[in-house]
Amino acid sequence: MGKEILNEKSRFLVKNILRGFLYLAILIFAFLLIKNTIGEEQRELWFGGIYDNPPMVITVYVVSEVLFGIIPPEVFILWSLETEHMSSYLTSIGLLSIISYIAGFLNFTLGRLLKNNGKIMQIKNRLLKKQIYLFKKYGAFLIIVAAVSPIPFSATALLCGAGGMLPRTYLLYSLLRIVRFYVYGIVLANIEEL
Protein backbone atom coordinates (compact mmCIF):
# COMPACT_ATOMS: atom_id res chain seq x y z
CA MET A 1 0.00 0.00 0.00
CA GLY A 2 2.81 2.43 0.90
CA LYS A 3 4.59 1.68 -2.37
CA GLU A 4 1.41 2.46 -4.36
CA ILE A 5 1.08 5.84 -2.63
CA LEU A 6 4.75 6.63 -3.33
CA ASN A 7 4.31 5.68 -6.99
CA GLU A 8 1.20 7.86 -7.22
CA LYS A 9 3.08 10.79 -5.66
CA SER A 10 6.00 10.23 -8.05
CA ARG A 11 3.63 10.23 -11.04
CA PHE A 12 2.02 13.42 -9.74
CA LEU A 13 5.44 15.06 -9.43
CA VAL A 14 6.65 13.95 -12.88
CA LYS A 15 3.35 14.94 -14.52
CA ASN A 16 3.52 18.43 -13.05
CA ILE A 17 7.21 18.90 -13.83
CA LEU A 18 6.44 17.97 -17.45
CA ARG A 19 3.51 20.39 -17.35
CA GLY A 20 5.93 23.04 -16.09
CA PHE A 21 8.31 22.39 -18.97
CA LEU A 22 5.41 22.56 -21.43
CA TYR A 23 4.42 25.88 -19.87
CA LEU A 24 8.04 27.06 -20.19
CA ALA A 25 8.12 25.99 -23.86
CA ILE A 26 4.92 27.95 -24.55
CA LEU A 27 6.38 30.96 -22.72
CA ILE A 28 9.59 30.74 -24.76
CA PHE A 29 7.62 30.50 -28.00
CA ALA A 30 5.51 33.53 -27.04
CA PHE A 31 8.61 35.47 -25.97
CA LEU A 32 10.42 34.79 -29.23
CA LEU A 33 7.31 35.58 -31.26
CA ILE A 34 6.79 38.90 -29.49
CA LYS A 35 10.48 39.77 -29.58
CA ASN A 36 10.74 39.13 -33.31
CA THR A 37 7.48 40.83 -34.30
CA ILE A 38 7.09 43.77 -31.91
CA GLY A 39 9.59 46.58 -31.88
CA GLU A 40 10.90 48.71 -29.07
CA GLU A 41 8.39 51.51 -29.80
CA GLN A 42 5.43 49.13 -29.72
CA ARG A 43 6.58 47.73 -26.38
CA GLU A 44 6.77 51.27 -25.03
CA LEU A 45 3.19 51.91 -26.19
CA TRP A 46 1.91 48.73 -24.50
CA PHE A 47 3.74 49.01 -21.22
CA GLY A 48 4.42 52.74 -21.02
CA GLY A 49 6.54 53.90 -18.12
CA ILE A 50 6.01 50.74 -16.09
CA TYR A 51 8.56 48.72 -18.09
CA ASP A 52 11.40 51.07 -17.21
CA ASN A 53 10.32 51.67 -13.61
CA PRO A 54 11.91 48.94 -11.43
CA PRO A 55 10.22 50.01 -8.15
CA MET A 56 6.81 49.83 -9.85
CA VAL A 57 7.56 46.44 -11.42
CA ILE A 58 8.82 45.01 -8.12
CA THR A 59 5.74 46.37 -6.31
CA VAL A 60 3.44 44.70 -8.86
CA TYR A 61 5.46 41.49 -8.50
CA VAL A 62 5.28 41.47 -4.69
CA VAL A 63 1.51 42.08 -4.75
CA SER A 64 1.08 39.33 -7.36
CA GLU A 65 3.12 36.82 -5.38
CA VAL A 66 1.29 37.58 -2.13
CA LEU A 67 -2.09 37.34 -3.90
CA PHE A 68 -1.49 33.77 -5.12
CA GLY A 69 0.67 34.52 -8.17
CA ILE A 70 -1.85 36.42 -10.28
CA ILE A 71 0.90 37.23 -12.80
CA PRO A 72 3.24 34.33 -13.64
CA PRO A 73 6.73 34.98 -12.21
CA GLU A 74 8.26 34.16 -15.58
CA VAL A 75 6.94 37.50 -16.87
CA PHE A 76 9.15 39.23 -14.30
CA ILE A 77 12.09 36.95 -15.08
CA LEU A 78 11.77 38.00 -18.73
CA TRP A 79 11.48 41.65 -17.69
CA SER A 80 14.68 41.28 -15.72
CA LEU A 81 16.42 39.62 -18.66
CA GLU A 82 15.32 42.28 -21.12
CA THR A 83 15.97 45.38 -19.02
CA GLU A 84 18.83 44.41 -16.66
CA HIS A 85 17.64 47.24 -14.39
CA MET A 86 18.49 45.35 -11.20
CA SER A 87 22.22 44.66 -11.18
CA SER A 88 23.19 41.43 -12.92
CA TYR A 89 20.61 39.04 -14.32
CA LEU A 90 21.48 36.25 -11.87
CA THR A 91 21.24 38.69 -8.95
CA SER A 92 17.80 39.81 -10.08
CA ILE A 93 16.69 36.16 -10.45
CA GLY A 94 17.85 35.64 -6.87
CA LEU A 95 15.89 38.68 -5.69
CA LEU A 96 12.74 37.57 -7.53
CA SER A 97 13.02 34.05 -6.12
CA ILE A 98 13.55 35.28 -2.56
CA ILE A 99 10.52 37.57 -2.86
CA SER A 100 8.46 34.57 -4.03
CA TYR A 101 9.83 32.41 -1.19
CA ILE A 102 8.99 35.08 1.42
CA ALA A 103 5.52 35.69 -0.09
CA GLY A 104 4.89 31.95 0.12
CA PHE A 105 5.95 31.92 3.77
CA LEU A 106 3.66 34.87 4.50
CA ASN A 107 0.76 32.91 3.03
CA PHE A 108 1.84 29.79 4.93
CA THR A 109 1.83 31.81 8.18
CA LEU A 110 -1.55 33.32 7.29
CA GLY A 111 -2.91 29.81 6.75
CA ARG A 112 -1.65 28.75 10.18
CA LEU A 113 -3.30 31.80 11.78
CA LEU A 114 -6.60 31.32 10.00
CA LYS A 115 -6.97 27.56 10.27
CA ASN A 116 -9.26 27.85 13.29
CA ASN A 117 -11.44 30.65 11.86
CA GLY A 118 -14.54 28.85 10.55
CA LYS A 119 -15.93 31.61 8.31
CA ILE A 120 -12.64 32.31 6.58
CA MET A 121 -11.95 28.60 6.11
CA GLN A 122 -15.39 28.19 4.46
CA ILE A 123 -14.49 30.92 1.94
CA LYS A 124 -11.07 29.33 1.41
CA ASN A 125 -12.68 25.93 0.89
CA ARG A 126 -14.83 27.29 -1.93
CA LEU A 127 -12.08 29.31 -3.63
CA LEU A 128 -9.33 26.71 -3.39
CA LYS A 129 -11.34 23.50 -3.73
CA LYS A 130 -8.88 21.81 -6.14
CA GLN A 131 -5.80 22.69 -4.06
CA ILE A 132 -7.53 21.46 -0.87
CA TYR A 133 -8.24 18.13 -2.54
CA LEU A 134 -4.61 17.88 -3.69
CA PHE A 135 -3.30 18.81 -0.23
CA LYS A 136 -5.46 16.16 1.43
CA LYS A 137 -4.24 13.61 -1.09
CA TYR A 138 -0.53 14.51 -1.29
CA GLY A 139 0.18 16.46 1.90
CA ALA A 140 3.66 17.95 2.19
CA PHE A 141 4.54 16.53 -1.22
CA LEU A 142 2.27 19.17 -2.78
CA ILE A 143 4.55 22.06 -1.74
CA ILE A 144 7.42 20.43 -3.66
CA VAL A 145 5.25 20.20 -6.77
CA ALA A 146 3.97 23.76 -6.34
CA ALA A 147 7.52 25.07 -5.93
CA VAL A 148 8.67 23.61 -9.26
CA SER A 149 5.54 23.65 -11.41
CA PRO A 150 2.75 26.01 -12.53
CA ILE A 151 0.52 25.00 -9.59
CA PRO A 152 -0.18 28.25 -7.64
CA PHE A 153 2.64 28.40 -5.08
CA SER A 154 1.23 30.97 -2.66
CA ALA A 155 -2.21 29.32 -2.60
CA THR A 156 -0.55 25.99 -1.87
CA ALA A 157 1.53 27.62 0.87
CA LEU A 158 -1.68 28.94 2.47
CA LEU A 159 -3.15 25.43 2.41
CA CYS A 160 -0.01 23.92 3.89
CA GLY A 161 -0.22 26.38 6.77
CA ALA A 162 -3.94 25.77 7.28
CA GLY A 163 -3.35 22.03 7.01
CA GLY A 164 -0.93 22.08 9.94
CA MET A 165 2.35 21.44 8.12
CA LEU A 166 5.36 22.13 10.32
CA PRO A 167 7.09 25.43 9.43
CA ARG A 168 10.48 23.71 9.20
CA THR A 169 9.12 21.20 6.67
CA TYR A 170 7.48 23.94 4.64
CA LEU A 171 10.61 26.14 4.60
CA LEU A 172 12.83 23.25 3.56
CA TYR A 173 10.62 21.93 0.75
CA SER A 174 9.78 25.37 -0.59
CA LEU A 175 13.49 26.11 -1.17
CA LEU A 176 12.91 24.34 -4.47
CA ARG A 177 11.12 27.53 -5.52
CA ILE A 178 14.51 29.26 -5.72
CA VAL A 179 15.91 26.38 -7.78
CA ARG A 180 12.98 26.69 -10.19
CA PHE A 181 13.62 30.40 -10.72
CA TYR A 182 17.27 29.80 -11.55
CA VAL A 183 16.50 26.89 -13.90
CA TYR A 184 13.84 28.91 -15.75
CA GLY A 185 16.06 32.00 -15.71
CA ILE A 186 19.04 30.16 -17.19
CA VAL A 187 16.88 28.52 -19.87
CA LEU A 188 15.34 31.88 -20.80
CA ALA A 189 18.76 33.56 -20.90
CA ASN A 190 20.06 30.91 -23.27
CA ILE A 191 16.98 31.28 -25.48
CA GLU A 192 17.61 35.05 -25.55
CA GLU A 193 20.92 34.39 -27.28
CA LEU A 194 19.18 32.67 -30.24
C-alpha atoms as a PDB file:
ATOM      1  CA  MET A   1       0.000   0.000   0.000  1.00  0.00           C
ATOM      2  CA  GLY A   2       2.810   2.431   0.902  1.00  0.00           C
ATOM      3  CA  LYS A   3       4.589   1.678  -2.374  1.00  0.00           C
ATOM      4  CA  GLU A   4       1.411   2.464  -4.363  1.00  0.00           C
ATOM      5  CA  ILE A   5       1.083   5.838  -2.627  1.00  0.00           C
ATOM      6  CA  LEU A   6       4.751   6.630  -3.329  1.00  0.00           C
ATOM      7  CA  ASN A   7       4.309   5.676  -6.995  1.00  0.00           C
ATOM      8  CA  GLU A   8       1.197   7.861  -7.216  1.00  0.00           C
ATOM      9  CA  LYS A   9       3.079  10.795  -5.665  1.00  0.00           C
ATOM     10  CA  SER A  10       5.997  10.234  -8.051  1.00  0.00           C
ATOM     11  CA  ARG A  11       3.629  10.226 -11.041  1.00  0.00           C
ATOM     12  CA  PHE A  12       2.020  13.417  -9.745  1.00  0.00           C
ATOM     13  CA  LEU A  13       5.444  15.060  -9.426  1.00  0.00           C
ATOM     14  CA  VAL A  14       6.654  13.950 -12.876  1.00  0.00           C
ATOM     15  CA  LYS A  15       3.351  14.937 -14.520  1.00  0.00           C
ATOM     16  CA  ASN A  16       3.519  18.435 -13.051  1.00  0.00           C
ATOM     17  CA  ILE A  17       7.210  18.897 -13.832  1.00  0.00           C
ATOM     18  CA  LEU A  18       6.436  17.967 -17.448  1.00  0.00           C
ATOM     19  CA  ARG A  19       3.507  20.391 -17.351  1.00  0.00           C
ATOM     20  CA  GLY A  20       5.929  23.038 -16.088  1.00  0.00           C
ATOM     21  CA  PHE A  21       8.313  22.386 -18.972  1.00  0.00           C
ATOM     22  CA  LEU A  22       5.406  22.558 -21.429  1.00  0.00           C
ATOM     23  CA  TYR A  23       4.418  25.876 -19.873  1.00  0.00           C
ATOM     24  CA  LEU A  24       8.040  27.055 -20.187  1.00  0.00           C
ATOM     25  CA  ALA A  25       8.119  25.986 -23.861  1.00  0.00           C
ATOM     26  CA  ILE A  26       4.917  27.954 -24.548  1.00  0.00           C
ATOM     27  CA  LEU A  27       6.377  30.955 -22.721  1.00  0.00           C
ATOM     28  CA  ILE A  28       9.593  30.742 -24.760  1.00  0.00           C
ATOM     29  CA  PHE A  29       7.622  30.503 -28.003  1.00  0.00           C
ATOM     30  CA  ALA A  30       5.509  33.532 -27.039  1.00  0.00           C
ATOM     31  CA  PHE A  31       8.611  35.470 -25.965  1.00  0.00           C
ATOM     32  CA  LEU A  32      10.424  34.789 -29.232  1.00  0.00           C
ATOM     33  CA  LEU A  33       7.310  35.578 -31.263  1.00  0.00           C
ATOM     34  CA  ILE A  34       6.785  38.900 -29.487  1.00  0.00           C
ATOM     35  CA  LYS A  35      10.476  39.771 -29.578  1.00  0.00           C
ATOM     36  CA  ASN A  36      10.742  39.128 -33.308  1.00  0.00           C
ATOM     37  CA  THR A  37       7.479  40.827 -34.304  1.00  0.00           C
ATOM     38  CA  ILE A  38       7.091  43.767 -31.909  1.00  0.00           C
ATOM     39  CA  GLY A  39       9.592  46.575 -31.880  1.00  0.00           C
ATOM     40  CA  GLU A  40      10.900  48.714 -29.067  1.00  0.00           C
ATOM     41  CA  GLU A  41       8.388  51.510 -29.796  1.00  0.00           C
ATOM     42  CA  GLN A  42       5.429  49.132 -29.717  1.00  0.00           C
ATOM     43  CA  ARG A  43       6.576  47.726 -26.383  1.00  0.00           C
ATOM     44  CA  GLU A  44       6.769  51.270 -25.028  1.00  0.00           C
ATOM     45  CA  LEU A  45       3.191  51.906 -26.191  1.00  0.00           C
ATOM     46  CA  TRP A  46       1.912  48.732 -24.503  1.00  0.00           C
ATOM     47  CA  PHE A  47       3.742  49.009 -21.216  1.00  0.00           C
ATOM     48  CA  GLY A  48       4.424  52.737 -21.016  1.00  0.00           C
ATOM     49  CA  GLY A  49       6.544  53.901 -18.118  1.00  0.00           C
ATOM     50  CA  ILE A  50       6.007  50.737 -16.089  1.00  0.00           C
ATOM     51  CA  TYR A  51       8.557  48.721 -18.091  1.00  0.00           C
ATOM     52  CA  ASP A  52      11.403  51.075 -17.209  1.00  0.00           C
ATOM     53  CA  ASN A  53      10.315  51.674 -13.614  1.00  0.00           C
ATOM     54  CA  PRO A  54      11.906  48.943 -11.435  1.00  0.00           C
ATOM     55  CA  PRO A  55      10.222  50.010  -8.154  1.00  0.00           C
ATOM     56  CA  MET A  56       6.806  49.835  -9.849  1.00  0.00           C
ATOM     57  CA  VAL A  57       7.560  46.445 -11.425  1.00  0.00           C
ATOM     58  CA  ILE A  58       8.819  45.014  -8.121  1.00  0.00           C
ATOM     59  CA  THR A  59       5.740  46.371  -6.305  1.00  0.00           C
ATOM     60  CA  VAL A  60       3.442  44.702  -8.855  1.00  0.00           C
ATOM     61  CA  TYR A  61       5.464  41.488  -8.500  1.00  0.00           C
ATOM     62  CA  VAL A  62       5.277  41.474  -4.692  1.00  0.00           C
ATOM     63  CA  VAL A  63       1.514  42.079  -4.753  1.00  0.00           C
ATOM     64  CA  SER A  64       1.077  39.333  -7.361  1.00  0.00           C
ATOM     65  CA  GLU A  65       3.118  36.819  -5.379  1.00  0.00           C
ATOM     66  CA  VAL A  66       1.291  37.581  -2.126  1.00  0.00           C
ATOM     67  CA  LEU A  67      -2.085  37.339  -3.901  1.00  0.00           C
ATOM     68  CA  PHE A  68      -1.492  33.767  -5.116  1.00  0.00           C
ATOM     69  CA  GLY A  69       0.667  34.521  -8.174  1.00  0.00           C
ATOM     70  CA  ILE A  70      -1.845  36.419 -10.277  1.00  0.00           C
ATOM     71  CA  ILE A  71       0.900  37.235 -12.804  1.00  0.00           C
ATOM     72  CA  PRO A  72       3.236  34.334 -13.645  1.00  0.00           C
ATOM     73  CA  PRO A  73       6.725  34.982 -12.211  1.00  0.00           C
ATOM     74  CA  GLU A  74       8.262  34.158 -15.582  1.00  0.00           C
ATOM     75  CA  VAL A  75       6.939  37.501 -16.869  1.00  0.00           C
ATOM     76  CA  PHE A  76       9.152  39.227 -14.297  1.00  0.00           C
ATOM     77  CA  ILE A  77      12.087  36.955 -15.081  1.00  0.00           C
ATOM     78  CA  LEU A  78      11.765  38.005 -18.735  1.00  0.00           C
ATOM     79  CA  TRP A  79      11.480  41.654 -17.692  1.00  0.00           C
ATOM     80  CA  SER A  80      14.684  41.277 -15.719  1.00  0.00           C
ATOM     81  CA  LEU A  81      16.419  39.616 -18.658  1.00  0.00           C
ATOM     82  CA  GLU A  82      15.321  42.283 -21.122  1.00  0.00           C
ATOM     83  CA  THR A  83      15.971  45.379 -19.022  1.00  0.00           C
ATOM     84  CA  GLU A  84      18.827  44.412 -16.661  1.00  0.00           C
ATOM     85  CA  HIS A  85      17.640  47.243 -14.392  1.00  0.00           C
ATOM     86  CA  MET A  86      18.490  45.347 -11.198  1.00  0.00           C
ATOM     87  CA  SER A  87      22.225  44.658 -11.175  1.00  0.00           C
ATOM     88  CA  SER A  88      23.185  41.426 -12.918  1.00  0.00           C
ATOM     89  CA  TYR A  89      20.611  39.044 -14.324  1.00  0.00           C
ATOM     90  CA  LEU A  90      21.475  36.247 -11.865  1.00  0.00           C
ATOM     91  CA  THR A  91      21.240  38.686  -8.948  1.00  0.00           C
ATOM     92  CA  SER A  92      17.798  39.808 -10.082  1.00  0.00           C
ATOM     93  CA  ILE A  93      16.694  36.164 -10.451  1.00  0.00           C
ATOM     94  CA  GLY A  94      17.849  35.642  -6.867  1.00  0.00           C
ATOM     95  CA  LEU A  95      15.890  38.682  -5.694  1.00  0.00           C
ATOM     96  CA  LEU A  96      12.735  37.575  -7.526  1.00  0.00           C
ATOM     97  CA  SER A  97      13.024  34.046  -6.125  1.00  0.00           C
ATOM     98  CA  ILE A  98      13.550  35.277  -2.559  1.00  0.00           C
ATOM     99  CA  ILE A  99      10.516  37.565  -2.862  1.00  0.00           C
ATOM    100  CA  SER A 100       8.457  34.566  -4.030  1.00  0.00           C
ATOM    101  CA  TYR A 101       9.833  32.413  -1.188  1.00  0.00           C
ATOM    102  CA  ILE A 102       8.995  35.077   1.417  1.00  0.00           C
ATOM    103  CA  ALA A 103       5.521  35.687  -0.087  1.00  0.00           C
ATOM    104  CA  GLY A 104       4.895  31.945   0.119  1.00  0.00           C
ATOM    105  CA  PHE A 105       5.948  31.915   3.769  1.00  0.00           C
ATOM    106  CA  LEU A 106       3.657  34.866   4.503  1.00  0.00           C
ATOM    107  CA  ASN A 107       0.757  32.908   3.032  1.00  0.00           C
ATOM    108  CA  PHE A 108       1.841  29.790   4.932  1.00  0.00           C
ATOM    109  CA  THR A 109       1.828  31.813   8.182  1.00  0.00           C
ATOM    110  CA  LEU A 110      -1.547  33.320   7.291  1.00  0.00           C
ATOM    111  CA  GLY A 111      -2.908  29.806   6.748  1.00  0.00           C
ATOM    112  CA  ARG A 112      -1.650  28.755  10.182  1.00  0.00           C
ATOM    113  CA  LEU A 113      -3.297  31.803  11.782  1.00  0.00           C
ATOM    114  CA  LEU A 114      -6.601  31.322   9.998  1.00  0.00           C
ATOM    115  CA  LYS A 115      -6.969  27.556  10.274  1.00  0.00           C
ATOM    116  CA  ASN A 116      -9.263  27.850  13.289  1.00  0.00           C
ATOM    117  CA  ASN A 117     -11.438  30.646  11.860  1.00  0.00           C
ATOM    118  CA  GLY A 118     -14.538  28.847  10.549  1.00  0.00           C
ATOM    119  CA  LYS A 119     -15.931  31.613   8.310  1.00  0.00           C
ATOM    120  CA  ILE A 120     -12.636  32.308   6.583  1.00  0.00           C
ATOM    121  CA  MET A 121     -11.950  28.597   6.112  1.00  0.00           C
ATOM    122  CA  GLN A 122     -15.386  28.188   4.457  1.00  0.00           C
ATOM    123  CA  ILE A 123     -14.492  30.917   1.943  1.00  0.00           C
ATOM    124  CA  LYS A 124     -11.065  29.328   1.413  1.00  0.00           C
ATOM    125  CA  ASN A 125     -12.684  25.927   0.893  1.00  0.00           C
ATOM    126  CA  ARG A 126     -14.833  27.294  -1.935  1.00  0.00           C
ATOM    127  CA  LEU A 127     -12.077  29.313  -3.631  1.00  0.00           C
ATOM    128  CA  LEU A 128      -9.331  26.708  -3.390  1.00  0.00           C
ATOM    129  CA  LYS A 129     -11.343  23.503  -3.730  1.00  0.00           C
ATOM    130  CA  LYS A 130      -8.878  21.811  -6.140  1.00  0.00           C
ATOM    131  CA  GLN A 131      -5.803  22.691  -4.055  1.00  0.00           C
ATOM    132  CA  ILE A 132      -7.532  21.458  -0.869  1.00  0.00           C
ATOM    133  CA  TYR A 133      -8.238  18.127  -2.543  1.00  0.00           C
ATOM    134  CA  LEU A 134      -4.613  17.883  -3.693  1.00  0.00           C
ATOM    135  CA  PHE A 135      -3.302  18.808  -0.229  1.00  0.00           C
ATOM    136  CA  LYS A 136      -5.458  16.163   1.432  1.00  0.00           C
ATOM    137  CA  LYS A 137      -4.242  13.608  -1.087  1.00  0.00           C
ATOM    138  CA  TYR A 138      -0.531  14.512  -1.289  1.00  0.00           C
ATOM    139  CA  GLY A 139       0.183  16.465   1.901  1.00  0.00           C
ATOM    140  CA  ALA A 140       3.662  17.954   2.187  1.00  0.00           C
ATOM    141  CA  PHE A 141       4.542  16.531  -1.225  1.00  0.00           C
ATOM    142  CA  LEU A 142       2.269  19.166  -2.781  1.00  0.00           C
ATOM    143  CA  ILE A 143       4.554  22.056  -1.744  1.00  0.00           C
ATOM    144  CA  ILE A 144       7.420  20.433  -3.659  1.00  0.00           C
ATOM    145  CA  VAL A 145       5.253  20.199  -6.765  1.00  0.00           C
ATOM    146  CA  ALA A 146       3.965  23.763  -6.344  1.00  0.00           C
ATOM    147  CA  ALA A 147       7.517  25.067  -5.925  1.00  0.00           C
ATOM    148  CA  VAL A 148       8.673  23.614  -9.260  1.00  0.00           C
ATOM    149  CA  SER A 149       5.539  23.645 -11.409  1.00  0.00           C
ATOM    150  CA  PRO A 150       2.754  26.006 -12.530  1.00  0.00           C
ATOM    151  CA  ILE A 151       0.518  24.996  -9.590  1.00  0.00           C
ATOM    152  CA  PRO A 152      -0.176  28.249  -7.637  1.00  0.00           C
ATOM    153  CA  PHE A 153       2.640  28.396  -5.082  1.00  0.00           C
ATOM    154  CA  SER A 154       1.228  30.972  -2.657  1.00  0.00           C
ATOM    155  CA  ALA A 155      -2.206  29.323  -2.601  1.00  0.00           C
ATOM    156  CA  THR A 156      -0.549  25.985  -1.868  1.00  0.00           C
ATOM    157  CA  ALA A 157       1.526  27.616   0.866  1.00  0.00           C
ATOM    158  CA  LEU A 158      -1.683  28.938   2.466  1.00  0.00           C
ATOM    159  CA  LEU A 159      -3.152  25.434   2.407  1.00  0.00           C
ATOM    160  CA  CYS A 160      -0.007  23.918   3.889  1.00  0.00           C
ATOM    161  CA  GLY A 161      -0.218  26.377   6.775  1.00  0.00           C
ATOM    162  CA  ALA A 162      -3.937  25.765   7.278  1.00  0.00           C
ATOM    163  CA  GLY A 163      -3.350  22.027   7.014  1.00  0.00           C
ATOM    164  CA  GLY A 164      -0.933  22.080   9.937  1.00  0.00           C
ATOM    165  CA  MET A 165       2.352  21.438   8.123  1.00  0.00           C
ATOM    166  CA  LEU A 166       5.360  22.132  10.319  1.00  0.00           C
ATOM    167  CA  PRO A 167       7.092  25.433   9.428  1.00  0.00           C
ATOM    168  CA  ARG A 168      10.485  23.706   9.195  1.00  0.00           C
ATOM    169  CA  THR A 169       9.124  21.203   6.674  1.00  0.00           C
ATOM    170  CA  TYR A 170       7.484  23.943   4.637  1.00  0.00           C
ATOM    171  CA  LEU A 171      10.613  26.140   4.602  1.00  0.00           C
ATOM    172  CA  LEU A 172      12.829  23.248   3.557  1.00  0.00           C
ATOM    173  CA  TYR A 173      10.624  21.928   0.745  1.00  0.00           C
ATOM    174  CA  SER A 174       9.780  25.365  -0.592  1.00  0.00           C
ATOM    175  CA  LEU A 175      13.489  26.107  -1.166  1.00  0.00           C
ATOM    176  CA  LEU A 176      12.910  24.339  -4.469  1.00  0.00           C
ATOM    177  CA  ARG A 177      11.121  27.527  -5.520  1.00  0.00           C
ATOM    178  CA  ILE A 178      14.511  29.257  -5.717  1.00  0.00           C
ATOM    179  CA  VAL A 179      15.911  26.376  -7.778  1.00  0.00           C
ATOM    180  CA  ARG A 180      12.980  26.690 -10.193  1.00  0.00           C
ATOM    181  CA  PHE A 181      13.622  30.404 -10.716  1.00  0.00           C
ATOM    182  CA  TYR A 182      17.267  29.798 -11.553  1.00  0.00           C
ATOM    183  CA  VAL A 183      16.497  26.894 -13.902  1.00  0.00           C
ATOM    184  CA  TYR A 184      13.840  28.906 -15.749  1.00  0.00           C
ATOM    185  CA  GLY A 185      16.065  31.999 -15.710  1.00  0.00           C
ATOM    186  CA  ILE A 186      19.039  30.160 -17.193  1.00  0.00           C
ATOM    187  CA  VAL A 187      16.877  28.521 -19.867  1.00  0.00           C
ATOM    188  CA  LEU A 188      15.335  31.882 -20.797  1.00  0.00           C
ATOM    189  CA  ALA A 189      18.764  33.564 -20.895  1.00  0.00           C
ATOM    190  CA  ASN A 190      20.056  30.907 -23.270  1.00  0.00           C
ATOM    191  CA  ILE A 191      16.977  31.281 -25.480  1.00  0.00           C
ATOM    192  CA  GLU A 192      17.607  35.051 -25.547  1.00  0.00           C
ATOM    193  CA  GLU A 193      20.920  34.388 -27.285  1.00  0.00           C
ATOM    194  CA  LEU A 194      19.181  32.672 -30.236  1.00  0.00           C
END
